[in-house]
Amino acid sequence: TRGAWNIVQNHPAVGELETDFLLDV
């Protein structure tokens, strides 16, 4: 699955996640 990843990409709080985490994921 990739549902959580799809939700994260459109969520306003995505800017609060670490850049390295987002790149790795």
mmCIF file of all heavy atoms, coordinates in Angstrom:
data_MODEL
# 
_entry.id   MODEL 
# 
loop_
_atom_site.group_PDB 
_atom_site.id 
_atom_site.type_symbol 
_atom_site.label_atom_id 
_atom_site.label_alt_id 
_atom_site.label_comp_id 
_atom_site.label_asym_id 
_atom_site.label_entity_id 
_atom_site.label_seq_id 
_atom_site.pdbx_PDB_ins_code 
_atom_site.Cartn_x 
_atom_site.Cartn_y 
_atom_site.Cartn_z 
_atom_site.occupancy 
_atom_site.B_iso_or_equiv 
_atom_site.pdbx_formal_charge 
_atom_site.auth_seq_id 
_atom_site.auth_comp_id 
_atom_site.auth_asym_id 
_atom_site.auth_atom_id 
_atom_site.pdbx_PDB_model_num 
ATOM 1   N N   . THR A 1 1  ? 0.820  -1.213 0.000  1.00 0.00 ? 1  THR A N   1 
ATOM 2   C CA  . THR A 1 1  ? 0.000  0.000  0.000  1.00 0.00 ? 1  THR A CA  1 
ATOM 3   C C   . THR A 1 1  ? 0.855  1.263  0.000  1.00 0.00 ? 1  THR A C   1 
ATOM 4   O O   . THR A 1 1  ? 2.045  1.236  0.287  1.00 0.00 ? 1  THR A O   1 
ATOM 5   C CB  . THR A 1 1  ? -0.929 0.025  1.233  1.00 0.00 ? 1  THR A CB  1 
ATOM 6   O OG1 . THR A 1 1  ? -0.117 -0.019 2.409  1.00 0.00 ? 1  THR A OG1 1 
ATOM 7   C CG2 . THR A 1 1  ? -1.870 -1.158 1.221  1.00 0.00 ? 1  THR A CG2 1 
ATOM 8   N N   . ARG A 1 2  ? 0.204  2.371  -0.342 1.00 0.00 ? 2  ARG A N   1 
ATOM 9   C CA  . ARG A 1 2  ? 0.847  3.686  -0.321 1.00 0.00 ? 2  ARG A CA  1 
ATOM 10  C C   . ARG A 1 2  ? -0.138 4.771  0.109  1.00 0.00 ? 2  ARG A C   1 
ATOM 11  O O   . ARG A 1 2  ? 0.054  5.941  -0.164 1.00 0.00 ? 2  ARG A O   1 
ATOM 12  C CB  . ARG A 1 2  ? 1.485  4.008  -1.674 1.00 0.00 ? 2  ARG A CB  1 
ATOM 13  C CG  . ARG A 1 2  ? 0.539  3.997  -2.838 1.00 0.00 ? 2  ARG A CG  1 
ATOM 14  C CD  . ARG A 1 2  ? 1.153  4.421  -4.161 1.00 0.00 ? 2  ARG A CD  1 
ATOM 15  N NE  . ARG A 1 2  ? 1.452  5.820  -4.176 1.00 0.00 ? 2  ARG A NE  1 
ATOM 16  C CZ  . ARG A 1 2  ? 2.665  6.331  -4.420 1.00 0.00 ? 2  ARG A CZ  1 
ATOM 17  N NH1 . ARG A 1 2  ? 3.667  5.575  -4.681 1.00 0.00 ? 2  ARG A NH1 1 
ATOM 18  N NH2 . ARG A 1 2  ? 2.846  7.629  -4.412 1.00 0.00 ? 2  ARG A NH2 1 
ATOM 19  N N   . GLY A 1 3  ? -1.210 4.367  0.771  1.00 0.00 ? 3  GLY A N   1 
ATOM 20  C CA  . GLY A 1 3  ? -2.251 5.310  1.181  1.00 0.00 ? 3  GLY A CA  1 
ATOM 21  C C   . GLY A 1 3  ? -1.747 6.402  2.107  1.00 0.00 ? 3  GLY A C   1 
ATOM 22  O O   . GLY A 1 3  ? -2.092 7.577  1.939  1.00 0.00 ? 3  GLY A O   1 
ATOM 23  N N   . ALA A 1 4  ? -0.927 6.034  3.094  1.00 0.00 ? 4  ALA A N   1 
ATOM 24  C CA  . ALA A 1 4  ? -0.409 7.043  4.029  1.00 0.00 ? 4  ALA A CA  1 
ATOM 25  C C   . ALA A 1 4  ? 0.447  8.065  3.287  1.00 0.00 ? 4  ALA A C   1 
ATOM 26  O O   . ALA A 1 4  ? 0.370  9.263  3.562  1.00 0.00 ? 4  ALA A O   1 
ATOM 27  C CB  . ALA A 1 4  ? 0.401  6.375  5.146  1.00 0.00 ? 4  ALA A CB  1 
ATOM 28  N N   . TRP A 1 5  ? 1.254  7.600  2.353  1.00 0.00 ? 5  TRP A N   1 
ATOM 29  C CA  . TRP A 1 5  ? 2.105  8.506  1.573  1.00 0.00 ? 5  TRP A CA  1 
ATOM 30  C C   . TRP A 1 5  ? 1.257  9.444  0.727  1.00 0.00 ? 5  TRP A C   1 
ATOM 31  O O   . TRP A 1 5  ? 1.539  10.636 0.614  1.00 0.00 ? 5  TRP A O   1 
ATOM 32  C CB  . TRP A 1 5  ? 3.069  7.714  0.718  1.00 0.00 ? 5  TRP A CB  1 
ATOM 33  C CG  . TRP A 1 5  ? 3.944  8.538  -0.162 1.00 0.00 ? 5  TRP A CG  1 
ATOM 34  C CD1 . TRP A 1 5  ? 4.043  8.464  -1.524 1.00 0.00 ? 5  TRP A CD1 1 
ATOM 35  C CD2 . TRP A 1 5  ? 4.873  9.565  0.228  1.00 0.00 ? 5  TRP A CD2 1 
ATOM 36  N NE1 . TRP A 1 5  ? 4.950  9.376  -1.983 1.00 0.00 ? 5  TRP A NE1 1 
ATOM 37  C CE2 . TRP A 1 5  ? 5.477  10.066 -0.930 1.00 0.00 ? 5  TRP A CE2 1 
ATOM 38  C CE3 . TRP A 1 5  ? 5.229  10.118 1.462  1.00 0.00 ? 5  TRP A CE3 1 
ATOM 39  C CZ2 . TRP A 1 5  ? 6.423  11.086 -0.906 1.00 0.00 ? 5  TRP A CZ2 1 
ATOM 40  C CZ3 . TRP A 1 5  ? 6.177  11.124 1.482  1.00 0.00 ? 5  TRP A CZ3 1 
ATOM 41  C CH2 . TRP A 1 5  ? 6.768  11.593 0.307  1.00 0.00 ? 5  TRP A CH2 1 
ATOM 42  N N   . ASN A 1 6  ? 0.197  8.936  0.121  1.00 0.00 ? 6  ASN A N   1 
ATOM 43  C CA  . ASN A 1 6  ? -0.688 9.782  -0.685 1.00 0.00 ? 6  ASN A CA  1 
ATOM 44  C C   . ASN A 1 6  ? -1.346 10.863 0.178  1.00 0.00 ? 6  ASN A C   1 
ATOM 45  O O   . ASN A 1 6  ? -1.474 12.011 -0.245 1.00 0.00 ? 6  ASN A O   1 
ATOM 46  C CB  . ASN A 1 6  ? -1.761 8.944  -1.372 1.00 0.00 ? 6  ASN A CB  1 
ATOM 47  C CG  . ASN A 1 6  ? -1.191 8.058  -2.456 1.00 0.00 ? 6  ASN A CG  1 
ATOM 48  O OD1 . ASN A 1 6  ? -0.079 8.282  -2.935 1.00 0.00 ? 6  ASN A OD1 1 
ATOM 49  N ND2 . ASN A 1 6  ? -1.918 7.034  -2.829 1.00 0.00 ? 6  ASN A ND2 1 
ATOM 50  N N   . ILE A 1 7  ? -1.755 10.507 1.385  1.00 0.00 ? 7  ILE A N   1 
ATOM 51  C CA  . ILE A 1 7  ? -2.384 11.476 2.291  1.00 0.00 ? 7  ILE A CA  1 
ATOM 52  C C   . ILE A 1 7  ? -1.382 12.549 2.701  1.00 0.00 ? 7  ILE A C   1 
ATOM 53  O O   . ILE A 1 7  ? -1.691 13.740 2.711  1.00 0.00 ? 7  ILE A O   1 
ATOM 54  C CB  . ILE A 1 7  ? -2.965 10.766 3.528  1.00 0.00 ? 7  ILE A CB  1 
ATOM 55  C CG1 . ILE A 1 7  ? -4.190 9.952  3.118  1.00 0.00 ? 7  ILE A CG1 1 
ATOM 56  C CG2 . ILE A 1 7  ? -3.319 11.754 4.625  1.00 0.00 ? 7  ILE A CG2 1 
ATOM 57  C CD1 . ILE A 1 7  ? -4.697 9.002  4.181  1.00 0.00 ? 7  ILE A CD1 1 
ATOM 58  N N   . VAL A 1 8  ? -0.162 12.135 3.018  1.00 0.00 ? 8  VAL A N   1 
ATOM 59  C CA  . VAL A 1 8  ? 0.868  13.079 3.472  1.00 0.00 ? 8  VAL A CA  1 
ATOM 60  C C   . VAL A 1 8  ? 1.147  14.139 2.416  1.00 0.00 ? 8  VAL A C   1 
ATOM 61  O O   . VAL A 1 8  ? 1.309  15.315 2.731  1.00 0.00 ? 8  VAL A O   1 
ATOM 62  C CB  . VAL A 1 8  ? 2.166  12.322 3.835  1.00 0.00 ? 8  VAL A CB  1 
ATOM 63  C CG1 . VAL A 1 8  ? 3.347  13.263 3.955  1.00 0.00 ? 8  VAL A CG1 1 
ATOM 64  C CG2 . VAL A 1 8  ? 1.972  11.560 5.138  1.00 0.00 ? 8  VAL A CG2 1 
ATOM 65  N N   . GLN A 1 9  ? 1.202  13.740 1.164  1.00 0.00 ? 9  GLN A N   1 
ATOM 66  C CA  . GLN A 1 9  ? 1.555  14.673 0.099  1.00 0.00 ? 9  GLN A CA  1 
ATOM 67  C C   . GLN A 1 9  ? 0.562  15.816 -0.039 1.00 0.00 ? 9  GLN A C   1 
ATOM 68  O O   . GLN A 1 9  ? 0.923  16.895 -0.508 1.00 0.00 ? 9  GLN A O   1 
ATOM 69  C CB  . GLN A 1 9  ? 1.670  13.921 -1.232 1.00 0.00 ? 9  GLN A CB  1 
ATOM 70  C CG  . GLN A 1 9  ? 2.836  12.958 -1.241 1.00 0.00 ? 9  GLN A CG  1 
ATOM 71  C CD  . GLN A 1 9  ? 2.900  12.200 -2.527 1.00 0.00 ? 9  GLN A CD  1 
ATOM 72  O OE1 . GLN A 1 9  ? 3.176  12.774 -3.574 1.00 0.00 ? 9  GLN A OE1 1 
ATOM 73  N NE2 . GLN A 1 9  ? 2.629  10.913 -2.462 1.00 0.00 ? 9  GLN A NE2 1 
ATOM 74  N N   . ASN A 1 10 ? -0.676 15.576 0.353  1.00 0.00 ? 10 ASN A N   1 
ATOM 75  C CA  . ASN A 1 10 ? -1.714 16.610 0.203  1.00 0.00 ? 10 ASN A CA  1 
ATOM 76  C C   . ASN A 1 10 ? -2.090 17.270 1.526  1.00 0.00 ? 10 ASN A C   1 
ATOM 77  O O   . ASN A 1 10 ? -2.994 18.088 1.557  1.00 0.00 ? 10 ASN A O   1 
ATOM 78  C CB  . ASN A 1 10 ? -2.966 15.996 -0.432 1.00 0.00 ? 10 ASN A CB  1 
ATOM 79  C CG  . ASN A 1 10 ? -2.696 15.475 -1.817 1.00 0.00 ? 10 ASN A CG  1 
ATOM 80  O OD1 . ASN A 1 10 ? -2.027 16.127 -2.613 1.00 0.00 ? 10 ASN A OD1 1 
ATOM 81  N ND2 . ASN A 1 10 ? -3.182 14.282 -2.115 1.00 0.00 ? 10 ASN A ND2 1 
ATOM 82  N N   . HIS A 1 11 ? -1.414 16.911 2.599  1.00 0.00 ? 11 HIS A N   1 
ATOM 83  C CA  . HIS A 1 11 ? -1.771 17.423 3.922  1.00 0.00 ? 11 HIS A CA  1 
ATOM 84  C C   . HIS A 1 11 ? -1.018 18.726 4.206  1.00 0.00 ? 11 HIS A C   1 
ATOM 85  O O   . HIS A 1 11 ? 0.162  18.844 3.892  1.00 0.00 ? 11 HIS A O   1 
ATOM 86  C CB  . HIS A 1 11 ? -1.432 16.378 4.986  1.00 0.00 ? 11 HIS A CB  1 
ATOM 87  C CG  . HIS A 1 11 ? -2.157 16.584 6.262  1.00 0.00 ? 11 HIS A CG  1 
ATOM 88  N ND1 . HIS A 1 11 ? -1.788 17.549 7.167  1.00 0.00 ? 11 HIS A ND1 1 
ATOM 89  C CD2 . HIS A 1 11 ? -3.237 15.967 6.786  1.00 0.00 ? 11 HIS A CD2 1 
ATOM 90  C CE1 . HIS A 1 11 ? -2.595 17.507 8.196  1.00 0.00 ? 11 HIS A CE1 1 
ATOM 91  N NE2 . HIS A 1 11 ? -3.494 16.556 7.999  1.00 0.00 ? 11 HIS A NE2 1 
ATOM 92  N N   . PRO A 1 12 ? -1.688 19.718 4.812  1.00 0.00 ? 12 PRO A N   1 
ATOM 93  C CA  . PRO A 1 12 ? -1.020 20.992 5.094  1.00 0.00 ? 12 PRO A CA  1 
ATOM 94  C C   . PRO A 1 12 ? 0.149  20.872 6.089  1.00 0.00 ? 12 PRO A C   1 
ATOM 95  O O   . PRO A 1 12 ? 1.036  21.718 6.101  1.00 0.00 ? 12 PRO A O   1 
ATOM 96  C CB  . PRO A 1 12 ? -2.125 21.879 5.673  1.00 0.00 ? 12 PRO A CB  1 
ATOM 97  C CG  . PRO A 1 12 ? -3.329 21.039 5.827  1.00 0.00 ? 12 PRO A CG  1 
ATOM 98  C CD  . PRO A 1 12 ? -3.104 19.736 5.164  1.00 0.00 ? 12 PRO A CD  1 
ATOM 99  N N   . ALA A 1 13 ? 0.170  19.810 6.886  1.00 0.00 ? 13 ALA A N   1 
ATOM 100 C CA  . ALA A 1 13 ? 1.238  19.655 7.885  1.00 0.00 ? 13 ALA A CA  1 
ATOM 101 C C   . ALA A 1 13 ? 2.516  19.058 7.300  1.00 0.00 ? 13 ALA A C   1 
ATOM 102 O O   . ALA A 1 13 ? 3.504  18.905 8.011  1.00 0.00 ? 13 ALA A O   1 
ATOM 103 C CB  . ALA A 1 13 ? 0.749  18.791 9.037  1.00 0.00 ? 13 ALA A CB  1 
ATOM 104 N N   . VAL A 1 14 ? 2.516  18.754 6.001  1.00 0.00 ? 14 VAL A N   1 
ATOM 105 C CA  . VAL A 1 14 ? 3.698  18.133 5.396  1.00 0.00 ? 14 VAL A CA  1 
ATOM 106 C C   . VAL A 1 14 ? 4.934  19.022 5.544  1.00 0.00 ? 14 VAL A C   1 
ATOM 107 O O   . VAL A 1 14 ? 6.054  18.535 5.673  1.00 0.00 ? 14 VAL A O   1 
ATOM 108 C CB  . VAL A 1 14 ? 3.443  17.772 3.907  1.00 0.00 ? 14 VAL A CB  1 
ATOM 109 C CG1 . VAL A 1 14 ? 3.387  19.007 3.032  1.00 0.00 ? 14 VAL A CG1 1 
ATOM 110 C CG2 . VAL A 1 14 ? 4.502  16.811 3.399  1.00 0.00 ? 14 VAL A CG2 1 
ATOM 111 N N   . GLY A 1 15 ? 4.741  20.321 5.596  1.00 0.00 ? 15 GLY A N   1 
ATOM 112 C CA  . GLY A 1 15 ? 5.859  21.256 5.750  1.00 0.00 ? 15 GLY A CA  1 
ATOM 113 C C   . GLY A 1 15 ? 6.553  21.145 7.097  1.00 0.00 ? 15 GLY A C   1 
ATOM 114 O O   . GLY A 1 15 ? 7.674  21.623 7.258  1.00 0.00 ? 15 GLY A O   1 
ATOM 115 N N   . GLU A 1 16 ? 5.896  20.517 8.056  1.00 0.00 ? 16 GLU A N   1 
ATOM 116 C CA  . GLU A 1 16 ? 6.479  20.349 9.386  1.00 0.00 ? 16 GLU A CA  1 
ATOM 117 C C   . GLU A 1 16 ? 7.373  19.109 9.490  1.00 0.00 ? 16 GLU A C   1 
ATOM 118 O O   . GLU A 1 16 ? 8.091  18.945 10.463 1.00 0.00 ? 16 GLU A O   1 
ATOM 119 C CB  . GLU A 1 16 ? 5.373  20.253 10.447 1.00 0.00 ? 16 GLU A CB  1 
ATOM 120 C CG  . GLU A 1 16 ? 4.521  21.490 10.566 1.00 0.00 ? 16 GLU A CG  1 
ATOM 121 C CD  . GLU A 1 16 ? 5.274  22.709 11.065 1.00 0.00 ? 16 GLU A CD  1 
ATOM 122 O OE1 . GLU A 1 16 ? 6.221  22.549 11.864 1.00 0.00 ? 16 GLU A OE1 1 
ATOM 123 O OE2 . GLU A 1 16 ? 4.936  23.824 10.630 1.00 0.00 ? 16 GLU A OE2 1 
ATOM 124 N N   . LEU A 1 17 ? 7.299  18.218 8.492  1.00 0.00 ? 17 LEU A N   1 
ATOM 125 C CA  . LEU A 1 17 ? 8.140  17.019 8.512  1.00 0.00 ? 17 LEU A CA  1 
ATOM 126 C C   . LEU A 1 17 ? 9.552  17.357 8.045  1.00 0.00 ? 17 LEU A C   1 
ATOM 127 O O   . LEU A 1 17 ? 9.745  18.260 7.235  1.00 0.00 ? 17 LEU A O   1 
ATOM 128 C CB  . LEU A 1 17 ? 7.540  15.936 7.617  1.00 0.00 ? 17 LEU A CB  1 
ATOM 129 C CG  . LEU A 1 17 ? 6.234  15.335 8.113  1.00 0.00 ? 17 LEU A CG  1 
ATOM 130 C CD1 . LEU A 1 17 ? 5.580  14.496 7.033  1.00 0.00 ? 17 LEU A CD1 1 
ATOM 131 C CD2 . LEU A 1 17 ? 6.471  14.494 9.364  1.00 0.00 ? 17 LEU A CD2 1 
ATOM 132 N N   . GLU A 1 18 ? 10.536 16.583 8.547  1.00 0.00 ? 18 GLU A N   1 
ATOM 133 C CA  . GLU A 1 18 ? 11.926 16.841 8.171  1.00 0.00 ? 18 GLU A CA  1 
ATOM 134 C C   . GLU A 1 18 ? 12.127 16.569 6.682  1.00 0.00 ? 18 GLU A C   1 
ATOM 135 O O   . GLU A 1 18 ? 11.597 15.598 6.145  1.00 0.00 ? 18 GLU A O   1 
ATOM 136 C CB  . GLU A 1 18 ? 12.878 15.931 8.966  1.00 0.00 ? 18 GLU A CB  1 
ATOM 137 C CG  . GLU A 1 18 ? 12.704 15.936 10.456 1.00 0.00 ? 18 GLU A CG  1 
ATOM 138 C CD  . GLU A 1 18 ? 12.020 14.669 10.954 1.00 0.00 ? 18 GLU A CD  1 
ATOM 139 O OE1 . GLU A 1 18 ? 12.357 13.563 10.525 1.00 0.00 ? 18 GLU A OE1 1 
ATOM 140 O OE2 . GLU A 1 18 ? 11.118 14.810 11.786 1.00 0.00 ? 18 GLU A OE2 1 
ATOM 141 N N   . THR A 1 19 ? 12.907 17.397 6.044  1.00 0.00 ? 19 THR A N   1 
ATOM 142 C CA  . THR A 1 19 ? 13.175 17.260 4.614  1.00 0.00 ? 19 THR A CA  1 
ATOM 143 C C   . THR A 1 19 ? 13.821 15.926 4.313  1.00 0.00 ? 19 THR A C   1 
ATOM 144 O O   . THR A 1 19 ? 13.448 15.254 3.336  1.00 0.00 ? 19 THR A O   1 
ATOM 145 C CB  . THR A 1 19 ? 14.071 18.418 4.130  1.00 0.00 ? 19 THR A CB  1 
ATOM 146 O OG1 . THR A 1 19 ? 13.427 19.651 4.446  1.00 0.00 ? 19 THR A OG1 1 
ATOM 147 C CG2 . THR A 1 19 ? 14.310 18.344 2.646  1.00 0.00 ? 19 THR A CG2 1 
ATOM 148 N N   . ASP A 1 20 ? 14.785 15.505 5.128  1.00 0.00 ? 20 ASP A N   1 
ATOM 149 C CA  . ASP A 1 20 ? 15.458 14.224 4.887  1.00 0.00 ? 20 ASP A CA  1 
ATOM 150 C C   . ASP A 1 20 ? 14.470 13.065 4.950  1.00 0.00 ? 20 ASP A C   1 
ATOM 151 O O   . ASP A 1 20 ? 14.544 12.133 4.153  1.00 0.00 ? 20 ASP A O   1 
ATOM 152 C CB  . ASP A 1 20 ? 16.579 14.000 5.904  1.00 0.00 ? 20 ASP A CB  1 
ATOM 153 C CG  . ASP A 1 20 ? 17.777 14.897 5.648  1.00 0.00 ? 20 ASP A CG  1 
ATOM 154 O OD1 . ASP A 1 20 ? 17.868 15.470 4.538  1.00 0.00 ? 20 ASP A OD1 1 
ATOM 155 O OD2 . ASP A 1 20 ? 18.621 15.022 6.552  1.00 0.00 ? 20 ASP A OD2 1 
ATOM 156 N N   . PHE A 1 21 ? 13.548 13.124 5.894  1.00 0.00 ? 21 PHE A N   1 
ATOM 157 C CA  . PHE A 1 21 ? 12.533 12.075 6.017  1.00 0.00 ? 21 PHE A CA  1 
ATOM 158 C C   . PHE A 1 21 ? 11.684 12.019 4.753  1.00 0.00 ? 21 PHE A C   1 
ATOM 159 O O   . PHE A 1 21 ? 11.470 10.948 4.187  1.00 0.00 ? 21 PHE A O   1 
ATOM 160 C CB  . PHE A 1 21 ? 11.650 12.325 7.242  1.00 0.00 ? 21 PHE A CB  1 
ATOM 161 C CG  . PHE A 1 21 ? 10.499 11.364 7.366  1.00 0.00 ? 21 PHE A CG  1 
ATOM 162 C CD1 . PHE A 1 21 ? 10.706 10.060 7.765  1.00 0.00 ? 21 PHE A CD1 1 
ATOM 163 C CD2 . PHE A 1 21 ? 9.204  11.778 7.073  1.00 0.00 ? 21 PHE A CD2 1 
ATOM 164 C CE1 . PHE A 1 21 ? 9.638  9.173  7.868  1.00 0.00 ? 21 PHE A CE1 1 
ATOM 165 C CE2 . PHE A 1 21 ? 8.137  10.905 7.173  1.00 0.00 ? 21 PHE A CE2 1 
ATOM 166 C CZ  . PHE A 1 21 ? 8.358  9.594  7.578  1.00 0.00 ? 21 PHE A CZ  1 
ATOM 167 N N   . LEU A 1 22 ? 11.223 13.169 4.300  1.00 0.00 ? 22 LEU A N   1 
ATOM 168 C CA  . LEU A 1 22 ? 10.388 13.216 3.091  1.00 0.00 ? 22 LEU A CA  1 
ATOM 169 C C   . LEU A 1 22 ? 11.139 12.700 1.867  1.00 0.00 ? 22 LEU A C   1 
ATOM 170 O O   . LEU A 1 22 ? 10.579 11.964 1.047  1.00 0.00 ? 22 LEU A O   1 
ATOM 171 C CB  . LEU A 1 22 ? 9.880  14.635 2.852  1.00 0.00 ? 22 LEU A CB  1 
ATOM 172 C CG  . LEU A 1 22 ? 8.864  15.154 3.865  1.00 0.00 ? 22 LEU A CG  1 
ATOM 173 C CD1 . LEU A 1 22 ? 8.586  16.633 3.637  1.00 0.00 ? 22 LEU A CD1 1 
ATOM 174 C CD2 . LEU A 1 22 ? 7.577  14.352 3.799  1.00 0.00 ? 22 LEU A CD2 1 
ATOM 175 N N   . LEU A 1 23 ? 12.414 13.065 1.728  1.00 0.00 ? 23 LEU A N   1 
ATOM 176 C CA  . LEU A 1 23 ? 13.213 12.594 0.599  1.00 0.00 ? 23 LEU A CA  1 
ATOM 177 C C   . LEU A 1 23 ? 13.425 11.083 0.661  1.00 0.00 ? 23 LEU A C   1 
ATOM 178 O O   . LEU A 1 23 ? 13.298 10.387 -0.365 1.00 0.00 ? 23 LEU A O   1 
ATOM 179 C CB  . LEU A 1 23 ? 14.554 13.324 0.553  1.00 0.00 ? 23 LEU A CB  1 
ATOM 180 C CG  . LEU A 1 23 ? 14.496 14.805 0.189  1.00 0.00 ? 23 LEU A CG  1 
ATOM 181 C CD1 . LEU A 1 23 ? 15.865 15.453 0.369  1.00 0.00 ? 23 LEU A CD1 1 
ATOM 182 C CD2 . LEU A 1 23 ? 13.985 14.996 -1.233 1.00 0.00 ? 23 LEU A CD2 1 
ATOM 183 N N   . ASP A 1 24 ? 13.738 10.579 1.854  1.00 0.00 ? 24 ASP A N   1 
ATOM 184 C CA  . ASP A 1 24 ? 13.947 9.132  2.013  1.00 0.00 ? 24 ASP A CA  1 
ATOM 185 C C   . ASP A 1 24 ? 12.665 8.358  1.719  1.00 0.00 ? 24 ASP A C   1 
ATOM 186 O O   . ASP A 1 24 ? 12.685 7.326  1.041  1.00 0.00 ? 24 ASP A O   1 
ATOM 187 C CB  . ASP A 1 24 ? 14.437 8.807  3.426  1.00 0.00 ? 24 ASP A CB  1 
ATOM 188 C CG  . ASP A 1 24 ? 15.862 9.265  3.681  1.00 0.00 ? 24 ASP A CG  1 
ATOM 189 O OD1 . ASP A 1 24 ? 16.577 9.594  2.705  1.00 0.00 ? 24 ASP A OD1 1 
ATOM 190 O OD2 . ASP A 1 24 ? 16.266 9.307  4.866  1.00 0.00 ? 24 ASP A OD2 1 
ATOM 191 N N   . VAL A 1 25 ? 11.552 8.854  2.231  1.00 0.00 ? 25 VAL A N   1 
ATOM 192 C CA  . VAL A 1 25 ? 10.275 8.168  2.013  1.00 0.00 ? 25 VAL A CA  1 
ATOM 193 C C   . VAL A 1 25 ? 9.874  8.239  0.538  1.00 0.00 ? 25 VAL A C   1 
ATOM 194 O O   . VAL A 1 25 ? 9.403  7.257  -0.037 1.00 0.00 ? 25 VAL A O   1 
ATOM 195 C CB  . VAL A 1 25 ? 9.173  8.758  2.928  1.00 0.00 ? 25 VAL A CB  1 
ATOM 196 C CG1 . VAL A 1 25 ? 7.809  8.231  2.559  1.00 0.00 ? 25 VAL A CG1 1 
ATOM 197 C CG2 . VAL A 1 25 ? 9.483  8.456  4.377  1.00 0.00 ? 25 VAL A CG2 1 
# 
